Amino acid sequence: MARLEIIKGSVIEVIFTGTACTSCGGQDYIEDFAYEASDGLGRPVTLVNFEALEGGGYRARFEIGE
């Protein structure tokens, strides 16, 4: 599950939760989000950073390019 948390200028923050976040490839889902968002927006979206959340899941920050 991906929940949009913040859109401010060219920055997007998304909260990722669910069973994928506990798998060994959880980071792959976060990186895949950038590719899917790039396709949907028609602009490059880059993963800037991410952090594990207490209680499970991740908060990820992305930057939308031109």
Protein backbone atom coordinates (compact mmCIF):
# COMPACT_ATOMS: atom_id res chain seq x y z
CA MET A 1 0.00 0.00 0.00
CA ALA A 2 1.34 3.44 -0.89
CA ARG A 3 -0.24 6.54 0.66
CA LEU A 4 0.64 10.00 -0.61
CA GLU A 5 1.70 12.02 2.43
CA ILE A 6 3.07 15.31 1.04
CA ILE A 7 3.28 17.11 -2.29
CA LYS A 8 5.27 20.33 -2.02
CA GLY A 9 6.84 21.84 -5.10
CA SER A 10 8.76 19.05 -6.79
CA VAL A 11 8.90 16.86 -3.66
CA ILE A 12 6.60 13.91 -2.99
CA GLU A 13 6.57 11.93 0.26
CA VAL A 14 4.89 8.55 0.29
CA ILE A 15 4.23 6.14 3.17
CA PHE A 16 4.57 2.47 2.20
CA THR A 17 2.95 -0.21 4.38
CA GLY A 18 1.87 -3.82 4.05
CA THR A 19 3.41 -7.25 3.76
CA ALA A 20 5.84 -6.19 1.01
CA CYS A 21 7.55 -3.91 3.54
CA THR A 22 8.56 -6.92 5.63
CA SER A 23 9.95 -8.94 2.74
CA CYS A 24 13.61 -9.07 1.82
CA GLY A 25 12.91 -6.99 -1.32
CA GLY A 26 10.88 -4.22 0.29
CA GLN A 27 13.17 -1.53 -1.05
CA ASP A 28 12.43 -2.72 -4.59
CA TYR A 29 8.80 -1.65 -4.24
CA ILE A 30 9.89 1.85 -3.28
CA GLU A 31 12.24 2.07 -6.26
CA ASP A 32 9.53 0.67 -8.56
CA PHE A 33 7.20 3.45 -7.40
CA ALA A 34 9.61 6.02 -8.89
CA TYR A 35 9.52 4.22 -12.26
CA GLU A 36 5.73 3.95 -12.24
CA ALA A 37 5.32 7.60 -11.18
CA SER A 38 7.70 8.67 -13.97
CA ASP A 39 5.57 6.82 -16.51
CA GLY A 40 2.34 8.28 -15.13
CA LEU A 41 3.59 11.85 -14.90
CA GLY A 42 5.64 11.83 -18.09
CA ARG A 43 8.50 13.34 -16.07
CA PRO A 44 11.43 11.73 -14.26
CA VAL A 45 10.81 10.86 -10.62
CA THR A 46 13.86 10.04 -8.50
CA LEU A 47 14.03 8.36 -5.10
CA VAL A 48 15.91 10.80 -2.83
CA ASN A 49 15.84 8.79 0.41
CA PHE A 50 13.71 6.53 2.57
CA GLU A 51 13.52 5.53 6.21
CA ALA A 52 11.96 2.68 8.13
CA LEU A 53 9.02 3.66 10.31
CA GLU A 54 8.47 2.48 13.85
CA GLY A 55 5.78 -0.18 13.72
CA GLY A 56 6.56 -1.14 10.11
CA GLY A 57 6.62 0.44 6.72
CA TYR A 58 8.73 3.15 5.13
CA ARG A 59 8.56 6.87 4.45
CA ALA A 60 10.10 7.70 1.08
CA ARG A 61 10.93 11.06 -0.47
CA PHE A 62 10.94 11.50 -4.23
CA GLU A 63 11.83 14.44 -6.47
CA ILE A 64 9.98 15.21 -9.68
CA GLY A 65 12.30 16.34 -12.46
CA GLU A 66 11.58 18.48 -15.49
